[in-house]
């Protein structure tokens, strides 16, 4: 009911012609429904598109325009690849093989798990899937050490794996929200943003984050034991259960490596990442060639694909009805003097501003769908580089201090190894860290990649 009331209030605002007012009312209604989530996100998105078509009177091609964008189909390809890595056991095999070589030092095990988390981002493009895989491994190791849920080692390992699973998805175009952000930057900002450029821009921040988080976890949650016997033995036992590399794992490895090579080199061949991702995902479903079975395809998370498509519809409608022109003036106008002054403070300002939005638009996808179109319109109108502003805004969704801000956090929290207070102090420290990294790298390193503010 509150979503309906907010929508009606927005409809009554004098923002332009009747079509624009209706579009704004429907948009606010959708955003309120996205935040409160009384019904599935995909259902809310379809309802909003239906209202754009029937009540606002927009053409069907505009009301459902997001389904003609390649972003949701990129998500579908990523889901199929993640399912392939999980079902074949390839992801677990990679994780266990790396951890087996880490020894018995807790600091080495923690560092190794963080590196595994980063590497898995390339082959498991889903933060939730990575959380399930890595937390299961971490909990098995914790239990093999004879430690309880209340132990600092348990808190540190599970919290680090959970937080980083969502964070790395923003530094690499892998998770749904980064894919959505990239799609909105390209469609609304009228620029190309290669997968490889996104990755290269955040490589230094990834390295610093792994090192600092490794140190921070040990300081916030001092380990009860510095040497943990049994860790490598646990991993070797699990590998023995898995057995030798199967034919399905070999197929999955070939498909994954082919997709990763094409994604990483898109600057040269210009094949769109969505084409690569969807093609690789569908190849995985082919009989004899791919490792996925017929029933696996029906188990993919299609509602998130629908949600991404409807989120794209929302942004397109807001742009076509010119509602964004009024809203962006109110949202971003006050930042213009600082952004004009240079990227040193402007990048950090954008980062904190996006995190403030994230407190209210808790879902990562909702944050990008609701605010990225406005930011792109603001960038174009005021002569700023849409790619630079969009990259900062898309990355800012990684900063989280509350469980409700991410499904990934909710999954990790459900294991019962860390508390909301643990997440708050760890997440707040990392928000400070990443805002400082933005302050350092945006004006010094990014211009070397052509990512200037103007």
Protein backbone atom coordinates (compact mmCIF):
# COMPACT_ATOMS: atom_id res chain seq x y z
CA UNK A 1 0.00 0.00 0.00
CA UNK A 2 2.84 2.40 0.80
CA UNK A 3 4.27 1.84 -2.68
CA UNK A 4 0.91 2.79 -4.23
CA UNK A 5 0.68 5.94 -2.09
CA UNK A 6 4.23 7.01 -3.03
CA UNK A 7 3.42 6.40 -6.68
CA UNK A 8 0.29 8.54 -6.52
CA UNK A 9 2.20 11.33 -4.76
CA UNK A 10 4.85 11.26 -7.49
CA UNK A 11 2.11 11.29 -10.14
CA UNK A 12 0.73 14.50 -8.64
CA UNK A 13 4.06 16.34 -8.93
CA UNK A 14 4.30 18.99 -11.69
CA UNK A 15 7.15 17.43 -13.64
CA UNK A 16 5.78 17.85 -17.16
CA UNK A 17 3.04 16.45 -19.39
CA UNK A 18 0.61 13.80 -18.22
CA UNK A 19 2.63 10.97 -19.79
CA UNK A 20 5.73 12.04 -17.87
CA UNK A 21 3.76 12.27 -14.61
CA UNK A 22 2.33 8.79 -15.11
CA UNK A 23 5.76 7.41 -15.93
CA UNK A 24 7.20 9.00 -12.78
CA UNK A 25 4.36 7.62 -10.65
CA UNK A 26 4.88 4.11 -12.01
CA UNK A 27 8.65 4.40 -11.54
CA UNK A 28 8.37 5.46 -7.88
CA UNK A 29 5.86 2.66 -7.32
CA UNK A 30 8.30 0.15 -8.83
CA UNK A 31 11.25 1.44 -6.77
CA UNK A 32 9.24 1.23 -3.55
CA UNK A 33 8.26 -2.33 -4.44
CA UNK A 34 11.87 -3.19 -5.27
CA UNK A 35 13.04 -1.94 -1.85
CA UNK A 36 10.30 -3.56 0.25
CA UNK A 37 10.01 -6.65 -2.01
CA UNK A 38 6.44 -7.76 -1.09
CA UNK A 39 6.43 -9.81 -4.31
CA UNK A 40 9.35 -11.18 -6.38
CA UNK A 41 11.46 -8.51 -8.10
CA UNK A 42 10.75 -9.95 -11.54
CA UNK A 43 7.00 -9.80 -10.95
CA UNK A 44 7.28 -6.18 -9.82
CA UNK A 45 9.25 -5.33 -12.94
CA UNK A 46 6.72 -6.95 -15.27
CA UNK A 47 3.87 -5.19 -13.47
CA UNK A 48 5.62 -1.85 -13.96
CA UNK A 49 6.18 -2.51 -17.67
CA UNK A 50 2.52 -3.47 -18.02
CA UNK A 51 1.49 -0.17 -16.39
CA UNK A 52 3.82 1.76 -18.69
CA UNK A 53 2.02 0.14 -21.62
CA UNK A 54 -1.59 0.22 -20.44
CA UNK A 55 -1.90 3.20 -18.08
CA UNK A 56 0.84 5.55 -19.29
CA UNK A 57 -0.01 4.72 -22.91
CA UNK A 58 3.57 4.09 -24.05
CA UNK A 59 4.10 1.87 -27.12
CA UNK A 60 4.77 -1.78 -26.40
CA UNK A 61 8.26 -1.46 -27.90
CA UNK A 62 9.17 1.24 -25.35
CA UNK A 63 7.36 -0.20 -22.33
CA UNK A 64 9.22 -3.52 -22.75
CA UNK A 65 12.34 -2.12 -24.42
CA UNK A 66 14.69 -3.70 -21.87
CA UNK A 67 14.02 -7.13 -23.33
CA UNK A 68 15.58 -5.91 -26.59
CA UNK A 69 18.78 -4.93 -24.77
CA UNK A 70 21.63 -7.46 -24.57
CA UNK A 71 22.20 -7.00 -20.81
CA UNK A 72 19.59 -9.50 -19.51
CA UNK A 73 20.82 -12.10 -21.98
CA UNK A 74 24.37 -11.57 -20.71
CA UNK A 75 23.03 -12.37 -17.23
CA UNK A 76 21.41 -15.55 -18.55
CA UNK A 77 24.70 -16.68 -20.08
CA UNK A 78 26.52 -15.93 -16.82
CA UNK A 79 23.95 -17.96 -14.86
CA UNK A 80 24.38 -20.96 -17.16
CA UNK A 81 28.17 -20.78 -16.87
CA UNK A 82 27.94 -20.56 -13.07
CA UNK A 83 25.59 -23.53 -13.01
CA UNK A 84 27.99 -25.48 -15.23
CA UNK A 85 30.96 -24.82 -12.91
CA UNK A 86 28.89 -25.81 -9.88
CA UNK A 87 27.20 -28.92 -11.31
CA UNK A 88 30.40 -30.38 -12.75
CA UNK A 89 32.36 -29.79 -9.55
CA UNK A 90 34.99 -27.72 -11.38
CA UNK A 91 34.69 -24.78 -8.96
CA UNK A 92 35.18 -26.92 -5.88
CA UNK A 93 38.09 -28.77 -7.45
CA UNK A 94 39.88 -25.49 -8.19
CA UNK A 95 39.29 -24.21 -4.65
CA UNK A 96 40.43 -27.40 -2.92
CA UNK A 97 43.55 -27.77 -5.09
CA UNK A 98 44.70 -24.26 -4.20
CA UNK A 99 43.96 -24.60 -0.50
CA UNK A 100 45.79 -27.96 -0.30
CA UNK A 101 48.99 -26.09 -1.12
CA UNK A 102 48.56 -23.42 1.55
CA UNK A 103 49.99 -25.30 4.52
CA UNK A 104 48.78 -25.01 8.13
CA UNK A 105 49.33 -21.30 8.85
CA UNK A 106 46.02 -19.49 9.43
CA UNK A 107 47.33 -16.34 7.75
CA UNK A 108 48.28 -18.34 4.64
CA UNK A 109 44.95 -20.14 4.58
CA UNK A 110 43.09 -16.84 4.87
CA UNK A 111 45.17 -15.25 2.09
CA UNK A 112 44.72 -18.31 -0.11
CA UNK A 113 40.95 -18.36 0.37
CA UNK A 114 40.81 -14.69 -0.62
CA UNK A 115 42.79 -15.37 -3.80
CA UNK A 116 40.52 -18.33 -4.58
CA UNK A 117 37.50 -16.07 -4.09
CA UNK A 118 38.91 -13.63 -6.63
CA UNK A 119 39.76 -16.35 -9.15
CA UNK A 120 36.35 -17.98 -8.84
CA UNK A 121 34.75 -14.71 -9.92
CA UNK A 122 35.86 -15.47 -13.47
CA UNK A 123 34.22 -18.89 -13.64
CA UNK A 124 31.34 -18.50 -11.17
CA UNK A 125 29.75 -15.15 -12.13
CA UNK A 126 27.33 -15.18 -9.20
CA UNK A 127 28.09 -13.82 -5.74
CA UNK A 128 25.50 -16.08 -4.12
CA UNK A 129 26.91 -19.19 -5.80
CA UNK A 130 30.46 -18.26 -4.78
CA UNK A 131 29.31 -17.66 -1.21
CA UNK A 132 27.71 -21.08 -1.01
CA UNK A 133 30.80 -22.80 -2.43
CA UNK A 134 33.44 -20.96 -0.41
CA UNK A 135 31.54 -20.84 2.88
CA UNK A 136 30.93 -24.59 2.62
CA UNK A 137 34.67 -25.12 2.18
CA UNK A 138 35.50 -22.68 5.01
CA UNK A 139 33.02 -24.28 7.41
CA UNK A 140 34.38 -27.74 6.62
CA UNK A 141 37.88 -26.52 7.43
CA UNK A 142 36.72 -24.80 10.63
CA UNK A 143 35.03 -27.97 11.82
CA UNK A 144 38.11 -30.01 11.00
CA UNK A 145 40.04 -27.70 13.36
CA UNK A 146 37.56 -28.39 16.17
CA UNK A 147 36.45 -24.75 16.35
CA UNK A 148 32.92 -23.50 17.05
CA UNK A 149 30.69 -20.92 15.35
CA UNK A 150 31.64 -18.32 17.93
CA UNK A 151 35.36 -18.57 17.21
CA UNK A 152 37.22 -15.64 15.69
CA UNK A 153 38.64 -17.91 13.01
CA UNK A 154 35.11 -18.93 12.05
CA UNK A 155 33.94 -15.33 12.00
CA UNK A 156 36.90 -14.13 9.97
CA UNK A 157 36.85 -16.84 7.31
CA UNK A 158 33.09 -16.86 6.67
CA UNK A 159 32.74 -13.06 6.81
CA UNK A 160 35.67 -12.52 4.44
CA UNK A 161 34.37 -15.09 1.93
CA UNK A 162 30.87 -13.61 2.08
CA UNK A 163 31.87 -9.95 1.74
CA UNK A 164 34.41 -10.53 -1.01
CA UNK A 165 32.00 -12.69 -3.02
CA UNK A 166 29.82 -9.62 -3.48
CA UNK A 167 32.68 -7.13 -3.72
CA UNK A 168 34.64 -8.80 -6.52
CA UNK A 169 31.46 -8.94 -8.62
CA UNK A 170 31.60 -5.13 -8.75
CA UNK A 171 35.28 -4.95 -9.68
CA UNK A 172 34.79 -7.45 -12.51
CA UNK A 173 31.80 -7.52 -14.88
CA UNK A 174 30.54 -10.81 -13.52
CA UNK A 175 27.60 -10.32 -11.15
CA UNK A 176 24.13 -9.20 -12.17
CA UNK A 177 24.51 -5.65 -10.82
CA UNK A 178 27.82 -4.95 -12.60
CA UNK A 179 26.39 -6.37 -15.82
CA UNK A 180 23.33 -4.14 -15.37
CA UNK A 181 25.52 -1.11 -14.59
CA UNK A 182 27.64 -1.70 -17.68
CA UNK A 183 24.52 -2.06 -19.82
CA UNK A 184 23.06 1.19 -18.50
CA UNK A 185 26.35 3.05 -19.00
CA UNK A 186 26.47 1.95 -22.63
CA UNK A 187 22.78 2.45 -23.45
CA UNK A 188 22.13 5.64 -21.46
CA UNK A 189 25.64 7.14 -21.63
CA UNK A 190 25.99 6.43 -25.38
CA UNK A 191 29.52 5.04 -24.95
CA UNK A 192 31.27 1.68 -25.23
CA UNK A 193 32.65 0.18 -22.03
CA UNK A 194 34.72 -2.96 -22.80
CA UNK A 195 34.82 -5.79 -20.26
CA UNK A 196 38.62 -5.58 -20.27
CA UNK A 197 38.69 -1.85 -19.53
CA UNK A 198 36.43 -2.31 -16.49
CA UNK A 199 38.73 -5.03 -15.16
CA UNK A 200 41.99 -3.15 -15.80
CA UNK A 201 40.60 -0.04 -14.09
CA UNK A 202 40.06 -1.93 -10.84
CA UNK A 203 43.11 -4.24 -10.82
CA UNK A 204 45.10 -2.03 -8.37
CA UNK A 205 42.09 -1.75 -6.06
CA UNK A 206 41.60 -5.52 -6.11
CA UNK A 207 45.22 -6.08 -5.08
CA UNK A 208 45.08 -3.50 -2.27
CA UNK A 209 41.74 -4.82 -1.02
CA UNK A 210 43.01 -8.39 -0.74
CA UNK A 211 46.09 -7.31 1.22
CA UNK A 212 44.25 -4.88 3.53
CA UNK A 213 41.33 -7.22 4.16
CA UNK A 214 43.75 -10.04 4.97
CA UNK A 215 45.36 -7.79 7.60
CA UNK A 216 42.05 -6.35 8.83
CA UNK A 217 40.37 -9.72 9.40
CA UNK A 218 43.27 -10.81 11.62
CA UNK A 219 43.16 -7.56 13.59
CA UNK A 220 39.37 -7.41 14.06
CA UNK A 221 39.08 -11.15 14.76
CA UNK A 222 42.40 -12.32 16.27
CA UNK A 223 42.74 -16.07 15.59
CA UNK A 224 42.67 -18.46 18.53
CA UNK A 225 45.39 -20.47 16.80
CA UNK A 226 48.05 -19.23 14.42
CA UNK A 227 48.73 -22.74 13.16
CA UNK A 228 45.80 -24.92 12.15
CA UNK A 229 46.51 -28.60 11.67
CA UNK A 230 44.21 -30.54 9.40
CA UNK A 231 43.36 -27.94 6.77
CA UNK A 232 45.30 -29.48 3.87
CA UNK A 233 44.23 -32.95 5.03
CA UNK A 234 40.57 -31.91 4.87
CA UNK A 235 41.00 -30.60 1.34
CA UNK A 236 42.88 -33.71 0.20
CA UNK A 237 40.10 -35.88 1.61
CA UNK A 238 37.49 -33.87 -0.27
CA UNK A 239 39.51 -34.09 -3.49
CA UNK A 240 39.75 -37.85 -3.03
CA UNK A 241 35.95 -37.98 -2.84
CA UNK A 242 35.66 -35.96 -6.05
CA UNK A 243 38.04 -38.31 -7.89
CA UNK A 244 39.93 -37.67 -11.12
CA UNK A 245 39.00 -34.94 -13.58
CA UNK A 246 35.80 -36.01 -15.31
CA UNK A 247 34.91 -35.53 -18.94
CA UNK A 248 32.22 -33.02 -17.94
CA UNK A 249 34.77 -31.00 -15.99
CA UNK A 250 37.08 -30.96 -19.01
CA UNK A 251 34.22 -29.71 -21.19
CA UNK A 252 33.38 -27.04 -18.60
CA UNK A 253 37.02 -25.98 -18.37
CA UNK A 254 37.32 -25.59 -22.15
CA UNK A 255 34.10 -23.55 -22.37
CA UNK A 256 35.04 -21.37 -19.39
CA UNK A 257 38.57 -20.68 -20.63
CA UNK A 258 37.31 -19.84 -24.11
CA UNK A 259 34.78 -17.37 -22.70
CA UNK A 260 37.32 -15.78 -20.36
CA UNK A 261 39.86 -15.30 -23.14
CA UNK A 262 37.26 -13.64 -25.35
CA UNK A 263 36.01 -11.44 -22.47
CA UNK A 264 39.52 -10.34 -21.53
CA UNK A 265 40.45 -9.48 -25.13
CA UNK A 266 37.25 -7.72 -26.24
CA UNK A 267 39.25 -4.51 -26.62
CA UNK A 268 40.83 -6.08 -29.70
CA UNK A 269 38.11 -8.20 -31.34
CA UNK A 270 35.07 -6.10 -30.27
CA UNK A 271 32.77 -9.10 -29.82
CA UNK A 272 30.28 -8.00 -27.21
CA UNK A 273 30.64 -9.74 -23.81
CA UNK A 274 26.94 -10.55 -23.86
CA UNK A 275 27.35 -12.47 -27.13
CA UNK A 276 30.30 -14.40 -25.68
CA UNK A 277 28.51 -15.14 -22.40
CA UNK A 278 25.21 -16.27 -23.89
CA UNK A 279 26.93 -18.31 -26.59
CA UNK A 280 29.15 -20.07 -24.01
CA UNK A 281 26.14 -20.69 -21.75
CA UNK A 282 24.11 -22.19 -24.58
CA UNK A 283 27.04 -24.29 -25.79
CA UNK A 284 27.15 -25.76 -22.27
CA UNK A 285 23.58 -26.98 -22.84
CA UNK A 286 24.28 -28.74 -26.15
CA UNK A 287 24.17 -32.55 -26.09
CA UNK A 288 27.56 -34.29 -26.34
CA UNK A 289 29.38 -30.91 -26.39
CA UNK A 290 28.20 -29.29 -23.16
CA UNK A 291 28.13 -30.78 -19.62
CA UNK A 292 24.68 -29.47 -18.63
CA UNK A 293 21.67 -31.77 -18.92
CA UNK A 294 18.30 -30.92 -20.39
CA UNK A 295 16.70 -30.33 -16.98
CA UNK A 296 19.50 -28.00 -15.85
CA UNK A 297 18.41 -25.23 -18.19
CA UNK A 298 14.98 -25.04 -16.57
CA UNK A 299 16.63 -24.60 -13.17
CA UNK A 300 18.41 -21.37 -14.13
CA UNK A 301 17.36 -18.26 -12.21
CA UNK A 302 15.12 -16.83 -14.92
CA UNK A 303 13.36 -14.34 -12.56
CA UNK A 304 16.62 -12.37 -12.22
CA UNK A 305 16.87 -12.22 -16.02
CA UNK A 306 13.33 -10.82 -16.16
CA UNK A 307 14.13 -8.34 -13.41
CA UNK A 308 17.24 -7.08 -15.21
CA UNK A 309 15.24 -6.61 -18.42
CA UNK A 310 12.47 -4.69 -16.64
CA UNK A 311 15.05 -2.55 -14.83
CA UNK A 312 16.42 -1.60 -18.25
CA UNK A 313 12.84 -0.76 -19.31
CA UNK A 314 12.51 1.58 -16.34
CA UNK A 315 15.64 3.49 -17.27
CA UNK A 316 14.62 3.75 -20.93
CA UNK A 317 11.13 5.01 -20.10
CA UNK A 318 12.49 7.59 -17.68
CA UNK A 319 14.79 8.85 -20.41
CA UNK A 320 12.20 8.81 -23.22
CA UNK A 321 9.60 10.73 -21.19
CA UNK A 322 12.24 13.30 -20.11
CA UNK A 323 11.39 12.79 -16.43
CA UNK A 324 15.11 12.36 -15.74
CA UNK A 325 15.84 15.92 -16.78
CA UNK A 326 13.93 17.22 -13.77
CA UNK A 327 15.12 14.60 -11.35
CA UNK A 328 18.81 14.73 -12.24
CA UNK A 329 18.88 18.48 -11.78
CA UNK A 330 17.75 17.97 -8.20
CA UNK A 331 19.94 14.92 -7.54
CA UNK A 332 23.27 15.91 -9.07
CA UNK A 333 23.27 19.68 -9.62
CA UNK A 334 24.86 20.44 -6.28
CA UNK A 335 27.86 18.25 -7.19
CA UNK A 336 28.68 20.14 -10.39
CA UNK A 337 31.14 22.70 -8.91
CA UNK A 338 33.18 19.99 -7.20
CA UNK A 339 33.25 17.77 -10.29
CA UNK A 340 34.28 20.70 -12.46
CA UNK A 341 37.12 21.42 -10.05
CA UNK A 342 38.72 18.05 -10.82
CA UNK A 343 38.58 14.34 -10.22
CA UNK A 344 40.55 14.28 -6.97
CA UNK A 345 37.62 14.98 -4.68
CA UNK A 346 34.87 14.37 -7.23
CA UNK A 347 35.44 10.61 -7.44
CA UNK A 348 35.27 10.14 -3.68
CA UNK A 349 32.18 12.36 -3.52
CA UNK A 350 30.41 10.17 -6.08
CA UNK A 351 31.41 7.04 -4.18
CA UNK A 352 29.96 8.29 -0.89
CA UNK A 353 26.87 9.66 -2.60
CA UNK A 354 26.17 6.26 -4.17
CA UNK A 355 26.64 4.53 -0.81
CA UNK A 356 24.12 6.91 0.73
CA UNK A 357 21.61 5.88 -1.95
CA UNK A 358 22.49 2.25 -1.22
CA UNK A 359 21.14 2.58 2.32
CA UNK A 360 17.67 3.13 0.87
CA UNK A 361 17.90 1.28 -2.44
CA UNK A 362 19.28 -1.78 -0.71
CA UNK A 363 19.24 -4.20 -3.62
CA UNK A 364 22.33 -3.74 -5.82
CA UNK A 365 20.31 -4.09 -9.00
CA UNK A 366 17.69 -1.61 -7.78
CA UNK A 367 20.41 0.91 -6.96
CA UNK A 368 21.83 0.76 -10.48
CA UNK A 369 18.43 0.70 -12.20
CA UNK A 370 17.11 3.67 -10.24
CA UNK A 371 20.12 5.99 -10.28
CA UNK A 372 22.49 5.11 -13.13
CA UNK A 373 20.21 6.51 -15.88
CA UNK A 374 20.03 9.83 -14.05
CA UNK A 375 23.79 9.94 -13.60
CA UNK A 376 24.34 9.24 -17.30
CA UNK A 377 21.96 12.03 -18.30
CA UNK A 378 23.76 14.37 -15.90
CA UNK A 379 27.17 13.40 -17.34
CA UNK A 380 26.10 13.97 -20.94
CA UNK A 381 24.38 17.28 -20.19
CA UNK A 382 27.32 18.71 -18.25
CA UNK A 383 30.15 17.42 -20.41
CA UNK A 384 31.52 14.75 -18.06
CA UNK A 385 32.84 11.37 -19.17
CA UNK A 386 29.97 8.85 -18.74
CA UNK A 387 32.41 5.92 -18.50
CA UNK A 388 34.37 7.43 -15.60
CA UNK A 389 31.32 8.48 -13.60
CA UNK A 390 29.56 5.22 -14.38
CA UNK A 391 32.50 3.08 -13.28
CA UNK A 392 32.68 4.84 -9.92
CA UNK A 393 28.92 4.58 -9.44
CA UNK A 394 28.82 0.91 -10.45
CA UNK A 395 31.69 0.07 -8.11
CA UNK A 396 30.18 1.96 -5.18
CA UNK A 397 27.53 -0.73 -4.73
CA UNK A 398 30.19 -2.94 -3.15
CA UNK A 399 30.21 -0.94 0.08
CA UNK A 400 27.83 -2.60 2.54
CA UNK A 401 27.32 -2.40 6.30
CA UNK A 402 23.87 -4.01 6.76
CA UNK A 403 22.64 -7.52 5.92
CA UNK A 404 19.60 -6.27 3.98
CA UNK A 405 21.83 -4.58 1.40
CA UNK A 406 22.68 -7.80 -0.43
CA UNK A 407 21.41 -11.32 -1.02
CA UNK A 408 25.05 -12.44 -0.84
CA UNK A 409 25.35 -11.10 2.71
CA UNK A 410 22.07 -12.74 3.68
CA UNK A 411 23.30 -16.12 2.45
CA UNK A 412 26.61 -15.86 4.31
CA UNK A 413 24.89 -14.59 7.47
CA UNK A 414 22.52 -17.55 7.40
CA UNK A 415 25.43 -19.90 8.23
CA UNK A 416 25.52 -18.28 11.69
CA UNK A 417 29.25 -17.60 11.92
CA UNK A 418 29.25 -13.79 12.08
CA UNK A 419 26.92 -11.17 13.56
CA UNK A 420 25.44 -7.97 12.19
CA UNK A 421 27.89 -6.05 14.39
CA UNK A 422 30.82 -7.96 12.86
CA UNK A 423 29.60 -7.02 9.38
CA UNK A 424 29.12 -3.36 10.32
CA UNK A 425 32.63 -2.79 11.64
CA UNK A 426 34.27 -4.76 8.82
CA UNK A 427 32.14 -3.17 6.10
CA UNK A 428 32.59 0.38 7.43
CA UNK A 429 36.38 -0.01 7.45
CA UNK A 430 36.27 -1.17 3.83
CA UNK A 431 34.06 1.71 2.73
CA UNK A 432 36.68 4.08 4.17
CA UNK A 433 39.43 2.12 2.42
CA UNK A 434 37.75 2.11 -0.99
CA UNK A 435 36.86 5.79 -0.84
CA UNK A 436 40.55 6.51 -0.24
CA UNK A 437 41.52 4.23 -3.14
CA UNK A 438 39.10 6.16 -5.38
CA UNK A 439 40.73 9.37 -4.17
CA UNK A 440 44.18 8.04 -5.14
CA UNK A 441 43.67 6.03 -8.32
CA UNK A 442 40.94 7.98 -10.16
CA UNK A 443 43.08 11.12 -10.70
CA UNK A 444 46.40 9.28 -11.17
CA UNK A 445 45.91 5.84 -12.73
CA UNK A 446 42.55 6.10 -14.54
CA UNK A 447 43.60 8.95 -16.88
CA UNK A 448 46.26 6.58 -18.29
CA UNK A 449 43.34 4.40 -19.45
CA UNK A 450 41.45 7.34 -20.95
CA UNK A 451 39.12 7.55 -17.95
CA UNK A 452 39.21 11.28 -17.27
CA UNK A 453 36.36 13.24 -15.75
CA UNK A 454 35.91 15.43 -18.83
